[in-house]
Amino acid sequence: MIDQGLKRCLGQMIKGVQVVGAVHDGVARAYCSHWVCQVSFESPILLASVSPKHDTHPLIVGSGRFTVSILAADQIGAAQYFSYPGRKFRYVADELLTVEDGRVGVPDSIAWLDCEVLDRGADGFLPRGGAGSPAAWVRLARPAPGAPPIVGGESGVAGLAGLLQVADDPELRESVGIDATSRVLVINTEGATDPGLYTALVGITPEQVLA
């Protein structure tokens, strides 16, 4: 079972901000992650997002390791500093990134999680448009009999929206390798970030969904 102290640190990621860093061949880089989430209750296994175009990606691949810094409430500046999509660092401020024994993290964070890469890569991807979100919202709010209702946000339901798109397309279903017997895990990462829009499209309020 997961150590209780580590379990509390993992729980902070549900509503926190994380910076993911890696070091390889003397080069250290980091980025503010879109999401890092726990995917196992039996073992401390995490799932982290990283773009192959990001300058941290080859360092993770080369070292086979990365470090997650769970930021404190007063570290907004560090989060903004490492939020740099579409460009690469030539220099990283020493006061915002520390390297210790192969770990690279933001100083004074709530916790550092030293991670070893178990697997990487994806079989495919779908461009995310806004058209699929309302259908996914409704599917979660009005699930099949016996299933609990869930309130999903615009980004939170992206996985389910993608699954619905694949399920409606025979060629995509075949390419992904799913059929009527498949069991698919999707992760909802947020609630109704715009309650007014949610209510207008779903027909009931988030509170009514969970009542």
N, C-alpha and C. Protein backbone atom coordinates (compact mmCIF):
# COMPACT_ATOMS: atom_id res chain seq x y z
N MET A 1 0.84 -1.21 0.00
CA MET A 1 0.00 0.00 0.00
C MET A 1 0.87 1.26 0.00
N ILE A 2 0.31 2.37 -0.44
CA ILE A 2 1.05 3.62 -0.53
C ILE A 2 1.28 4.20 0.87
N ASP A 3 2.51 4.66 1.13
CA ASP A 3 2.82 5.35 2.37
C ASP A 3 1.86 6.52 2.57
N GLN A 4 1.39 6.72 3.81
CA GLN A 4 0.37 7.73 4.07
C GLN A 4 0.86 9.14 3.77
N GLY A 5 2.14 9.43 4.06
CA GLY A 5 2.68 10.74 3.74
C GLY A 5 2.69 11.00 2.24
N LEU A 6 3.11 9.98 1.47
CA LEU A 6 3.11 10.10 0.01
C LEU A 6 1.68 10.22 -0.50
N LYS A 7 0.76 9.48 0.12
CA LYS A 7 -0.64 9.54 -0.30
C LYS A 7 -1.19 10.95 -0.16
N ARG A 8 -0.83 11.63 0.93
CA ARG A 8 -1.29 13.02 1.12
C ARG A 8 -0.71 13.93 0.05
N CYS A 9 0.56 13.70 -0.32
CA CYS A 9 1.18 14.50 -1.38
C CYS A 9 0.47 14.30 -2.71
N LEU A 10 0.14 13.04 -3.02
CA LEU A 10 -0.57 12.75 -4.26
C LEU A 10 -1.94 13.42 -4.26
N GLY A 11 -2.58 13.46 -3.09
CA GLY A 11 -3.88 14.10 -2.99
C GLY A 11 -3.83 15.59 -3.26
N GLN A 12 -2.69 16.22 -2.99
CA GLN A 12 -2.55 17.65 -3.25
C GLN A 12 -2.63 17.96 -4.74
N MET A 13 -2.34 16.99 -5.59
CA MET A 13 -2.33 17.24 -7.03
C MET A 13 -3.73 17.40 -7.59
N ILE A 14 -4.74 16.95 -6.86
CA ILE A 14 -6.10 17.08 -7.36
C ILE A 14 -6.47 18.53 -7.57
N LYS A 15 -6.00 19.41 -6.69
CA LYS A 15 -6.38 20.81 -6.78
C LYS A 15 -5.18 21.74 -6.76
N GLY A 16 -4.01 21.22 -7.06
CA GLY A 16 -2.80 22.03 -6.99
C GLY A 16 -2.21 22.32 -8.36
N VAL A 17 -1.01 22.91 -8.34
CA VAL A 17 -0.26 23.22 -9.55
C VAL A 17 1.09 22.52 -9.45
N GLN A 18 1.48 21.86 -10.53
CA GLN A 18 2.72 21.09 -10.50
C GLN A 18 3.68 21.55 -11.58
N VAL A 19 4.97 21.52 -11.27
CA VAL A 19 6.02 21.74 -12.24
C VAL A 19 6.78 20.42 -12.40
N VAL A 20 6.93 19.96 -13.63
CA VAL A 20 7.63 18.72 -13.93
C VAL A 20 9.00 19.05 -14.50
N GLY A 21 10.04 18.48 -13.92
CA GLY A 21 11.38 18.78 -14.37
C GLY A 21 12.19 17.52 -14.62
N ALA A 22 13.26 17.66 -15.41
CA ALA A 22 14.15 16.53 -15.68
C ALA A 22 15.54 17.08 -15.97
N VAL A 23 16.54 16.25 -15.75
CA VAL A 23 17.93 16.64 -16.02
C VAL A 23 18.62 15.48 -16.73
N HIS A 24 19.42 15.81 -17.76
CA HIS A 24 20.15 14.79 -18.51
C HIS A 24 21.36 15.44 -19.16
N ASP A 25 22.51 14.79 -19.03
CA ASP A 25 23.76 15.31 -19.61
C ASP A 25 24.03 16.75 -19.19
N GLY A 26 23.73 17.06 -17.93
CA GLY A 26 24.02 18.37 -17.39
C GLY A 26 23.04 19.47 -17.72
N VAL A 27 21.98 19.13 -18.48
CA VAL A 27 20.96 20.12 -18.85
C VAL A 27 19.70 19.86 -18.03
N ALA A 28 19.17 20.89 -17.39
CA ALA A 28 17.95 20.77 -16.60
C ALA A 28 16.89 21.70 -17.15
N ARG A 29 15.68 21.19 -17.31
CA ARG A 29 14.56 21.99 -17.77
C ARG A 29 13.31 21.57 -17.01
N ALA A 30 12.27 22.40 -17.06
CA ALA A 30 11.03 22.10 -16.36
C ALA A 30 9.88 22.84 -17.03
N TYR A 31 8.67 22.38 -16.77
CA TYR A 31 7.48 23.01 -17.33
C TYR A 31 6.34 22.88 -16.35
N CYS A 32 5.39 23.83 -16.42
CA CYS A 32 4.19 23.77 -15.60
C CYS A 32 3.20 22.85 -16.31
N SER A 33 2.91 21.71 -15.69
CA SER A 33 2.15 20.67 -16.37
C SER A 33 0.67 21.00 -16.45
N HIS A 34 0.05 20.62 -17.59
CA HIS A 34 -1.40 20.73 -17.71
C HIS A 34 -2.08 19.81 -16.71
N TRP A 35 -1.52 18.62 -16.54
CA TRP A 35 -2.04 17.73 -15.52
C TRP A 35 -1.04 16.65 -15.18
N VAL A 36 -1.05 16.33 -13.90
CA VAL A 36 -0.35 15.16 -13.37
C VAL A 36 -1.37 14.48 -12.46
N CYS A 37 -1.59 13.21 -12.64
CA CYS A 37 -2.61 12.55 -11.83
C CYS A 37 -2.17 11.17 -11.38
N GLN A 38 -2.72 10.73 -10.26
CA GLN A 38 -2.48 9.41 -9.72
C GLN A 38 -3.36 8.40 -10.45
N VAL A 39 -2.78 7.27 -10.85
CA VAL A 39 -3.55 6.28 -11.60
C VAL A 39 -3.61 4.93 -10.90
N SER A 40 -3.11 4.85 -9.68
CA SER A 40 -3.16 3.59 -8.94
C SER A 40 -3.25 3.87 -7.45
N PHE A 41 -4.06 3.09 -6.74
CA PHE A 41 -4.15 3.18 -5.29
C PHE A 41 -3.28 2.12 -4.62
N GLU A 42 -2.85 1.10 -5.37
CA GLU A 42 -2.01 0.06 -4.80
C GLU A 42 -0.54 0.45 -4.83
N SER A 43 -0.13 1.15 -5.88
CA SER A 43 1.26 1.57 -6.04
C SER A 43 1.27 3.05 -6.41
N PRO A 44 2.33 3.78 -6.04
CA PRO A 44 2.40 5.22 -6.36
C PRO A 44 2.77 5.45 -7.82
N ILE A 45 1.80 5.25 -8.72
CA ILE A 45 2.02 5.42 -10.15
C ILE A 45 1.31 6.68 -10.61
N LEU A 46 2.04 7.53 -11.35
CA LEU A 46 1.50 8.80 -11.84
C LEU A 46 1.45 8.79 -13.36
N LEU A 47 0.54 9.62 -13.88
CA LEU A 47 0.44 9.87 -15.31
C LEU A 47 0.69 11.35 -15.52
N ALA A 48 1.68 11.69 -16.35
CA ALA A 48 2.05 13.10 -16.57
C ALA A 48 1.98 13.44 -18.05
N SER A 49 1.49 14.63 -18.36
CA SER A 49 1.42 15.09 -19.75
C SER A 49 2.68 15.88 -20.09
N VAL A 50 3.20 15.64 -21.29
CA VAL A 50 4.36 16.42 -21.77
C VAL A 50 4.34 16.38 -23.29
N SER A 51 4.56 17.53 -23.90
CA SER A 51 4.60 17.62 -25.36
C SER A 51 5.96 17.15 -25.87
N PRO A 52 6.00 16.34 -26.95
CA PRO A 52 7.27 15.95 -27.54
C PRO A 52 8.08 17.14 -28.05
N LYS A 53 7.41 18.28 -28.28
CA LYS A 53 8.09 19.48 -28.76
C LYS A 53 8.73 20.27 -27.62
N HIS A 54 8.41 19.90 -26.39
CA HIS A 54 8.91 20.65 -25.25
C HIS A 54 10.35 20.28 -24.97
N ASP A 55 11.16 21.24 -24.53
CA ASP A 55 12.57 20.95 -24.32
C ASP A 55 12.83 20.07 -23.10
N THR A 56 11.81 19.83 -22.28
CA THR A 56 11.96 18.89 -21.17
C THR A 56 11.79 17.45 -21.63
N HIS A 57 11.05 17.23 -22.71
CA HIS A 57 10.74 15.88 -23.18
C HIS A 57 11.97 15.03 -23.46
N PRO A 58 12.95 15.52 -24.24
CA PRO A 58 14.12 14.66 -24.50
C PRO A 58 14.93 14.36 -23.24
N LEU A 59 14.84 15.23 -22.24
CA LEU A 59 15.57 14.99 -20.99
C LEU A 59 14.90 13.86 -20.21
N ILE A 60 13.56 13.82 -20.24
CA ILE A 60 12.84 12.72 -19.60
C ILE A 60 13.15 11.41 -20.30
N VAL A 61 13.15 11.44 -21.63
CA VAL A 61 13.44 10.23 -22.41
C VAL A 61 14.86 9.76 -22.16
N GLY A 62 15.80 10.71 -22.16
CA GLY A 62 17.21 10.35 -22.00
C GLY A 62 17.55 9.82 -20.62
N SER A 63 16.96 10.42 -19.58
CA SER A 63 17.28 10.03 -18.21
C SER A 63 16.37 8.93 -17.68
N GLY A 64 15.18 8.82 -18.26
CA GLY A 64 14.22 7.85 -17.76
C GLY A 64 13.62 8.25 -16.42
N ARG A 65 13.75 9.53 -16.07
CA ARG A 65 13.26 10.01 -14.78
C ARG A 65 12.67 11.41 -14.95
N PHE A 66 11.82 11.79 -14.00
CA PHE A 66 11.37 13.17 -13.90
C PHE A 66 10.96 13.44 -12.46
N THR A 67 10.92 14.69 -12.10
CA THR A 67 10.55 15.09 -10.75
C THR A 67 9.34 16.01 -10.81
N VAL A 68 8.35 15.75 -9.99
CA VAL A 68 7.16 16.58 -9.90
C VAL A 68 7.28 17.46 -8.65
N SER A 69 7.24 18.77 -8.83
CA SER A 69 7.21 19.71 -7.71
C SER A 69 5.77 20.16 -7.50
N ILE A 70 5.22 19.88 -6.34
CA ILE A 70 3.88 20.33 -6.01
C ILE A 70 4.00 21.71 -5.38
N LEU A 71 3.52 22.73 -6.07
CA LEU A 71 3.76 24.10 -5.65
C LEU A 71 2.85 24.52 -4.50
N ALA A 72 3.38 25.44 -3.70
CA ALA A 72 2.60 26.03 -2.62
C ALA A 72 1.79 27.21 -3.15
N ALA A 73 0.88 27.72 -2.33
CA ALA A 73 -0.02 28.78 -2.77
C ALA A 73 0.72 30.07 -3.11
N ASP A 74 1.89 30.30 -2.51
CA ASP A 74 2.63 31.54 -2.75
C ASP A 74 3.68 31.39 -3.86
N GLN A 75 3.58 30.33 -4.66
CA GLN A 75 4.57 30.10 -5.72
C GLN A 75 3.98 30.32 -7.11
N ILE A 76 3.07 31.27 -7.21
CA ILE A 76 2.46 31.59 -8.51
C ILE A 76 3.52 32.04 -9.51
N GLY A 77 4.51 32.77 -9.02
CA GLY A 77 5.57 33.25 -9.91
C GLY A 77 6.31 32.11 -10.58
N ALA A 78 6.61 31.05 -9.83
CA ALA A 78 7.29 29.89 -10.40
C ALA A 78 6.41 29.20 -11.42
N ALA A 79 5.11 29.09 -11.13
CA ALA A 79 4.19 28.47 -12.08
C ALA A 79 4.15 29.24 -13.39
N GLN A 80 4.11 30.56 -13.30
CA GLN A 80 4.08 31.38 -14.50
C GLN A 80 5.40 31.31 -15.27
N TYR A 81 6.49 31.26 -14.53
CA TYR A 81 7.81 31.21 -15.16
C TYR A 81 7.97 29.96 -16.02
N PHE A 82 7.45 28.84 -15.53
CA PHE A 82 7.61 27.58 -16.26
C PHE A 82 6.44 27.28 -17.19
N SER A 83 5.52 28.21 -17.36
CA SER A 83 4.43 28.07 -18.32
C SER A 83 4.84 28.75 -19.62
N TYR A 84 5.53 28.01 -20.46
CA TYR A 84 6.07 28.63 -21.67
C TYR A 84 5.86 27.74 -22.89
N PRO A 85 4.61 27.50 -23.27
CA PRO A 85 4.35 26.67 -24.46
C PRO A 85 4.88 27.33 -25.73
N GLY A 86 5.45 26.52 -26.59
CA GLY A 86 5.86 27.03 -27.88
C GLY A 86 7.24 27.66 -27.94
N ARG A 87 7.96 27.68 -26.81
CA ARG A 87 9.32 28.23 -26.87
C ARG A 87 10.23 27.41 -25.95
N LYS A 88 11.52 27.61 -26.10
CA LYS A 88 12.49 26.84 -25.33
C LYS A 88 13.36 27.77 -24.51
N PHE A 89 13.74 27.29 -23.34
CA PHE A 89 14.62 28.07 -22.47
C PHE A 89 16.07 27.99 -22.95
N ARG A 90 16.75 29.13 -22.96
CA ARG A 90 18.19 29.15 -23.14
C ARG A 90 18.90 29.16 -21.78
N TYR A 91 18.19 29.67 -20.79
CA TYR A 91 18.74 29.77 -19.43
C TYR A 91 17.59 29.63 -18.44
N VAL A 92 17.82 28.91 -17.36
CA VAL A 92 16.81 28.74 -16.32
C VAL A 92 17.34 29.38 -15.04
N ALA A 93 16.54 30.21 -14.42
CA ALA A 93 16.96 30.91 -13.20
C ALA A 93 17.27 29.91 -12.09
N ASP A 94 18.48 30.02 -11.53
CA ASP A 94 18.92 29.07 -10.50
C ASP A 94 18.02 29.09 -9.27
N GLU A 95 17.47 30.27 -8.95
CA GLU A 95 16.65 30.37 -7.76
C GLU A 95 15.28 29.68 -7.92
N LEU A 96 14.93 29.32 -9.16
CA LEU A 96 13.63 28.69 -9.41
C LEU A 96 13.74 27.20 -9.72
N LEU A 97 14.96 26.70 -9.84
CA LEU A 97 15.14 25.28 -10.16
C LEU A 97 16.41 24.77 -9.50
N THR A 98 16.29 23.68 -8.75
CA THR A 98 17.41 23.09 -8.03
C THR A 98 17.61 21.65 -8.50
N VAL A 99 18.87 21.26 -8.70
CA VAL A 99 19.20 19.90 -9.09
C VAL A 99 19.93 19.23 -7.94
N GLU A 100 19.41 18.08 -7.50
CA GLU A 100 20.01 17.32 -6.40
C GLU A 100 19.95 15.83 -6.71
N ASP A 101 21.11 15.21 -6.90
CA ASP A 101 21.18 13.76 -7.08
C ASP A 101 20.24 13.26 -8.19
N GLY A 102 20.24 13.95 -9.31
CA GLY A 102 19.42 13.52 -10.43
C GLY A 102 17.98 13.96 -10.37
N ARG A 103 17.60 14.64 -9.30
CA ARG A 103 16.26 15.20 -9.17
C ARG A 103 16.33 16.70 -9.46
N VAL A 104 15.32 17.22 -10.13
CA VAL A 104 15.30 18.64 -10.45
C VAL A 104 13.92 19.17 -10.08
N GLY A 105 13.89 20.16 -9.17
CA GLY A 105 12.62 20.65 -8.68
C GLY A 105 12.66 22.11 -8.29
N VAL A 106 11.48 22.63 -7.98
CA VAL A 106 11.34 24.02 -7.56
C VAL A 106 11.58 24.09 -6.05
N PRO A 107 12.50 24.94 -5.59
CA PRO A 107 12.77 25.03 -4.16
C PRO A 107 11.54 25.47 -3.37
N ASP A 108 11.45 24.99 -2.14
CA ASP A 108 10.39 25.37 -1.20
C ASP A 108 9.00 24.90 -1.64
N SER A 109 8.94 23.90 -2.51
CA SER A 109 7.65 23.33 -2.88
C SER A 109 7.07 22.53 -1.72
N ILE A 110 5.78 22.22 -1.80
CA ILE A 110 5.16 21.38 -0.78
C ILE A 110 5.84 20.00 -0.74
N ALA A 111 6.13 19.47 -1.92
CA ALA A 111 6.79 18.16 -2.01
C ALA A 111 7.43 18.00 -3.37
N TRP A 112 8.46 17.16 -3.41
CA TRP A 112 9.03 16.68 -4.67
C TRP A 112 8.70 15.20 -4.79
N LEU A 113 8.26 14.78 -5.95
CA LEU A 113 8.01 13.37 -6.22
C LEU A 113 9.02 12.91 -7.27
N ASP A 114 9.94 12.06 -6.86
CA ASP A 114 10.96 11.54 -7.77
C ASP A 114 10.39 10.35 -8.51
N CYS A 115 10.26 10.43 -9.83
CA CYS A 115 9.54 9.43 -10.61
C CYS A 115 10.45 8.76 -11.63
N GLU A 116 10.25 7.48 -11.80
CA GLU A 116 10.91 6.70 -12.84
C GLU A 116 9.91 6.40 -13.94
N VAL A 117 10.31 6.56 -15.19
CA VAL A 117 9.41 6.33 -16.32
C VAL A 117 9.19 4.83 -16.49
N LEU A 118 7.94 4.41 -16.39
CA LEU A 118 7.58 3.00 -16.61
C LEU A 118 7.21 2.74 -18.06
N ASP A 119 6.53 3.71 -18.68
CA ASP A 119 6.10 3.56 -20.07
C ASP A 119 5.84 4.94 -20.62
N ARG A 120 5.90 5.08 -21.92
CA ARG A 120 5.63 6.36 -22.54
C ARG A 120 5.07 6.14 -23.94
N GLY A 121 4.44 7.21 -24.47
CA GLY A 121 3.94 7.13 -25.82
C GLY A 121 2.44 7.01 -25.87
N ALA A 122 1.89 7.10 -27.06
CA ALA A 122 0.45 7.00 -27.28
C ALA A 122 0.22 6.33 -28.63
N ASP A 123 -0.90 5.64 -28.73
CA ASP A 123 -1.24 4.97 -29.99
C ASP A 123 -1.87 5.93 -31.00
N GLY A 124 -2.36 7.06 -30.53
CA GLY A 124 -2.99 8.02 -31.44
C GLY A 124 -3.46 9.23 -30.67
N PHE A 125 -3.99 10.19 -31.40
CA PHE A 125 -4.51 11.39 -30.75
C PHE A 125 -5.63 11.97 -31.60
N LEU A 126 -6.45 12.79 -30.98
CA LEU A 126 -7.53 13.48 -31.67
C LEU A 126 -7.45 14.96 -31.38
N PRO A 127 -7.61 15.83 -32.38
CA PRO A 127 -7.71 17.26 -32.09
C PRO A 127 -8.97 17.52 -31.31
N ARG A 128 -8.87 18.34 -30.26
CA ARG A 128 -10.03 18.58 -29.41
C ARG A 128 -10.74 19.85 -29.84
N GLY A 129 -11.99 19.73 -30.27
CA GLY A 129 -12.83 20.88 -30.54
C GLY A 129 -13.89 21.02 -29.47
N GLY A 130 -14.63 22.10 -29.47
CA GLY A 130 -15.63 22.32 -28.44
C GLY A 130 -16.93 21.60 -28.68
N ALA A 131 -17.11 21.05 -29.90
CA ALA A 131 -18.40 20.48 -30.26
C ALA A 131 -18.74 19.24 -29.44
N GLY A 132 -17.72 18.48 -29.03
CA GLY A 132 -18.00 17.24 -28.33
C GLY A 132 -18.28 17.39 -26.86
N SER A 133 -17.95 18.52 -26.27
CA SER A 133 -18.09 18.68 -24.82
C SER A 133 -19.52 18.59 -24.33
N PRO A 134 -20.50 19.29 -24.94
CA PRO A 134 -21.88 19.19 -24.43
C PRO A 134 -22.42 17.77 -24.41
N ALA A 135 -22.14 16.99 -25.44
CA ALA A 135 -22.61 15.60 -25.46
C ALA A 135 -22.00 14.81 -24.32
N ALA A 136 -20.72 15.06 -24.03
CA ALA A 136 -20.06 14.36 -22.93
C ALA A 136 -20.60 14.84 -21.59
N TRP A 137 -20.89 16.13 -21.47
CA TRP A 137 -21.51 16.66 -20.23
C TRP A 137 -22.82 15.93 -19.96
N VAL A 138 -23.65 15.84 -20.99
CA VAL A 138 -24.97 15.21 -20.82
C VAL A 138 -24.82 13.73 -20.49
N ARG A 139 -23.89 13.06 -21.14
CA ARG A 139 -23.69 11.62 -20.90
C ARG A 139 -23.29 11.38 -19.45
N LEU A 140 -22.45 12.24 -18.90
CA LEU A 140 -22.04 12.09 -17.50
C LEU A 140 -23.15 12.49 -16.54
N ALA A 141 -23.90 13.55 -16.89
CA ALA A 141 -24.96 14.04 -16.01
C ALA A 141 -26.16 13.09 -15.98
N ARG A 142 -26.39 12.42 -17.11
CA ARG A 142 -27.52 11.48 -17.21
C ARG A 142 -26.98 10.12 -17.66
N PRO A 143 -26.31 9.42 -16.75
CA PRO A 143 -25.65 8.16 -17.13
C PRO A 143 -26.64 7.01 -17.26
N ALA A 144 -26.11 5.87 -17.60
CA ALA A 144 -26.93 4.65 -17.69
C ALA A 144 -27.45 4.29 -16.30
N PRO A 145 -28.59 3.60 -16.24
CA PRO A 145 -29.15 3.21 -14.94
C PRO A 145 -28.14 2.48 -14.06
N GLY A 146 -28.06 2.92 -12.82
CA GLY A 146 -27.13 2.30 -11.87
C GLY A 146 -25.79 2.98 -11.77
N ALA A 147 -25.48 3.85 -12.74
CA ALA A 147 -24.20 4.57 -12.70
C ALA A 147 -24.37 5.92 -12.01
N PRO A 148 -23.39 6.39 -11.27
CA PRO A 148 -23.52 7.66 -10.57
C PRO A 148 -23.39 8.85 -11.53
N PRO A 149 -24.18 9.91 -11.34
CA PRO A 149 -24.03 11.11 -12.17
C PRO A 149 -22.74 11.84 -11.83
N ILE A 150 -22.14 12.46 -12.83
CA ILE A 150 -20.86 13.17 -12.67
C ILE A 150 -20.98 14.53 -13.35
N VAL A 151 -20.45 15.56 -12.70
CA VAL A 151 -20.38 16.89 -13.30
C VAL A 151 -18.99 17.05 -13.91
N GLY A 152 -18.94 17.27 -15.22
CA GLY A 152 -17.66 17.42 -15.92
C GLY A 152 -17.50 18.82 -16.48
N GLY A 153 -16.26 19.29 -16.53
CA GLY A 153 -15.96 20.60 -17.11
C GLY A 153 -15.58 20.51 -18.57
N GLU A 154 -15.34 21.65 -19.18
CA GLU A 154 -15.04 21.69 -20.61
C GLU A 154 -13.80 20.89 -20.96
N SER A 155 -12.73 21.08 -20.19
CA SER A 155 -11.50 20.31 -20.43
C SER A 155 -11.59 18.94 -19.79
N GLY A 156 -12.30 18.86 -18.67
CA GLY A 156 -12.38 17.61 -17.93
C GLY A 156 -13.00 16.47 -18.72
N VAL A 157 -13.94 16.78 -19.61
CA VAL A 157 -14.63 15.72 -20.35
C VAL A 157 -13.97 15.43 -21.71
N ALA A 158 -12.78 15.98 -21.94
CA ALA A 158 -12.13 15.80 -23.24
C ALA A 158 -11.94 14.32 -23.58
N GLY A 159 -11.56 13.52 -22.58
CA GLY A 159 -11.36 12.09 -22.83
C GLY A 159 -12.63 11.40 -23.28
N LEU A 160 -13.73 11.69 -22.58
CA LEU A 160 -15.00 11.07 -22.95
C LEU A 160 -15.48 11.59 -24.29
N ALA A 161 -15.30 12.89 -24.55
CA ALA A 161 -15.70 13.45 -25.84
C ALA A 161 -14.94 12.76 -26.98
N GLY A 162 -13.65 12.51 -26.76
CA GLY A 162 -12.87 11.81 -27.77
C GLY A 162 -13.34 10.38 -27.97
N LEU A 163 -13.67 9.72 -26.86
CA LEU A 163 -14.17 8.35 -26.95
C LEU A 163 -15.48 8.28 -27.73
N LEU A 164 -16.38 9.24 -27.48
CA LEU A 164 -17.66 9.27 -28.19
C LEU A 164 -17.42 9.48 -29.69
N GLN A 165 -16.43 10.31 -30.02
CA GLN A 165 -16.10 10.55 -31.43
C GLN A 165 -15.58 9.27 -32.08
N VAL A 166 -14.71 8.56 -31.37
CA VAL A 166 -14.17 7.31 -31.91
C VAL A 166 -15.28 6.27 -32.05
N ALA A 167 -16.16 6.19 -31.05
CA ALA A 167 -17.23 5.18 -31.07
C ALA A 167 -18.18 5.37 -32.23
N ASP A 168 -18.32 6.61 -32.72
CA ASP A 168 -19.24 6.89 -33.82
C ASP A 168 -18.61 6.72 -35.19
N ASP A 169 -17.32 6.38 -35.23
CA ASP A 169 -16.61 6.29 -36.51
C ASP A 169 -16.01 4.88 -36.65
N PRO A 170 -16.55 4.05 -37.57
CA PRO A 170 -16.06 2.67 -37.72
C PRO A 170 -14.55 2.58 -37.99
N GLU A 171 -14.02 3.50 -38.81
CA GLU A 171 -12.59 3.45 -39.13
C GLU A 171 -11.74 3.77 -37.90
N LEU A 172 -12.19 4.77 -37.12
CA LEU A 172 -11.45 5.11 -35.90
C LEU A 172 -11.52 3.96 -34.89
N ARG A 173 -12.69 3.34 -34.77
CA ARG A 173 -12.82 2.22 -33.84
C ARG A 173 -11.84 1.11 -34.21
N GLU A 174 -11.74 0.82 -35.49
CA GLU A 174 -10.84 -0.25 -35.93
C GLU A 174 -9.38 0.12 -35.70
N SER A 175 -9.03 1.38 -35.98
CA SER A 175 -7.64 1.80 -35.84
C SER A 175 -7.21 1.80 -34.38
N VAL A 176 -8.13 2.14 -33.47
CA VAL A 176 -7.81 2.16 -32.05
C VAL A 176 -7.91 0.75 -31.46
N GLY A 177 -8.75 -0.07 -32.07
CA GLY A 177 -8.88 -1.45 -31.61
C GLY A 177 -9.91 -1.64 -30.51
N ILE A 178 -11.01 -0.87 -30.57
CA ILE A 178 -12.07 -1.05 -29.59
C ILE A 178 -13.33 -1.56 -30.27
N ASP A 179 -14.14 -2.30 -29.49
CA ASP A 179 -15.41 -2.80 -30.00
C ASP A 179 -16.41 -2.82 -28.84
N ALA A 180 -17.51 -3.51 -29.03
CA ALA A 180 -18.57 -3.51 -28.03
C ALA A 180 -18.15 -4.17 -26.72
N THR A 181 -17.07 -4.94 -26.75
CA THR A 181 -16.62 -5.62 -25.54
C THR A 181 -15.51 -4.86 -24.81
N SER A 182 -15.07 -3.74 -25.37
CA SER A 182 -13.95 -3.01 -24.78
C SER A 182 -14.34 -2.28 -23.50
N ARG A 183 -13.40 -2.19 -22.59
CA ARG A 183 -13.56 -1.38 -21.38
C ARG A 183 -12.53 -0.27 -21.44
N VAL A 184 -12.97 0.98 -21.40
CA VAL A 184 -12.10 2.14 -21.62
C VAL A 184 -12.11 3.02 -20.38
N LEU A 185 -10.93 3.39 -19.91
CA LEU A 185 -10.80 4.30 -18.77
C LEU A 185 -10.67 5.73 -19.28
N VAL A 186 -11.55 6.62 -18.85
CA VAL A 186 -11.42 8.05 -19.13
C VAL A 186 -11.39 8.78 -17.80
N ILE A 187 -10.67 9.88 -17.75
CA ILE A 187 -10.48 10.63 -16.51
C ILE A 187 -11.10 12.01 -16.65
N ASN A 188 -12.03 12.34 -15.76
CA ASN A 188 -12.62 13.68 -15.71
C ASN A 188 -11.81 14.51 -14.74
N THR A 189 -11.18 15.58 -15.22
CA THR A 189 -10.21 16.31 -14.40
C THR A 189 -10.76 17.58 -13.78
N GLU A 190 -12.02 17.92 -14.01
CA GLU A 190 -12.56 19.15 -13.41
C GLU A 190 -14.08 19.13 -13.42
N GLY A 191 -14.66 19.98 -12.57
CA GLY A 191 -16.10 20.13 -12.53
C GLY A 191 -16.57 21.23 -13.47
N ALA A 192 -17.76 21.78 -13.22
CA ALA A 192 -18.34 22.81 -14.09
C ALA A 192 -17.64 24.14 -13.85
N THR A 193 -16.69 24.49 -14.70
CA THR A 193 -15.95 25.74 -14.55
C THR A 193 -16.79 26.95 -14.94
N ASP A 194 -17.81 26.74 -15.74
CA ASP A 194 -18.75 27.81 -16.13
C ASP A 194 -20.17 27.28 -15.86
N PRO A 195 -20.64 27.42 -14.62
CA PRO A 195 -21.95 26.84 -14.26
C PRO A 195 -23.10 27.33 -15.12
N GLY A 196 -23.06 28.60 -15.55
CA GLY A 196 -24.13 29.12 -16.39
C GLY A 196 -24.20 28.43 -17.73
N LEU A 197 -23.05 28.28 -18.38
CA LEU A 197 -22.99 27.60 -19.67
C LEU A 197 -23.36 26.13 -19.51
N TYR A 198 -22.88 25.52 -18.45
CA TYR A 198 -23.19 24.11 -18.18
C TYR A 198 -24.70 23.92 -18.06
N THR A 199 -25.35 24.78 -17.29
CA THR A 199 -26.79 24.67 -17.08
C THR A 199 -27.56 24.86 -18.39
N ALA A 200 -27.11 25.81 -19.20
CA ALA A 200 -27.79 26.09 -20.47
C ALA A 200 -27.71 24.91 -21.42
N LEU A 201 -26.57 24.19 -21.43
CA LEU A 201 -26.38 23.11 -22.39
C LEU A 201 -26.88 21.76 -21.88
N VAL A 202 -26.77 21.55 -20.59
CA VAL A 202 -27.20 20.27 -20.02
C VAL A 202 -28.68 20.28 -19.64
N GLY A 203 -29.18 21.47 -19.27
CA GLY A 203 -30.59 21.59 -18.92
C GLY A 203 -30.87 21.60 -17.45
N ILE A 204 -29.89 21.27 -16.62
CA ILE A 204 -30.01 21.34 -15.17
C ILE A 204 -28.70 21.87 -14.61
N THR A 205 -28.75 22.36 -13.40
CA THR A 205 -27.55 22.93 -12.77
C THR A 205 -26.61 21.83 -12.28
N PRO A 206 -25.34 22.15 -12.05
CA PRO A 206 -24.43 21.15 -11.50
C PRO A 206 -24.92 20.61 -10.16
N GLU A 207 -25.52 21.48 -9.35
CA GLU A 207 -26.03 21.05 -8.05
C GLU A 207 -27.17 20.04 -8.21
N GLN A 208 -28.02 20.25 -9.23
CA GLN A 208 -29.13 19.32 -9.47
C GLN A 208 -28.61 17.96 -9.97
N VAL A 209 -27.51 17.97 -10.71
CA VAL A 209 -26.93 16.71 -11.19
C VAL A 209 -26.52 15.83 -10.01
N LEU A 210 -25.95 16.48 -8.99
CA LEU A 210 -25.40 15.72 -7.85
C LEU A 210 -26.40 15.55 -6.72
N ALA A 211 -27.59 16.14 -6.86
CA ALA A 211 -28.58 16.05 -5.77
C ALA A 211 -29.09 14.62 -5.60
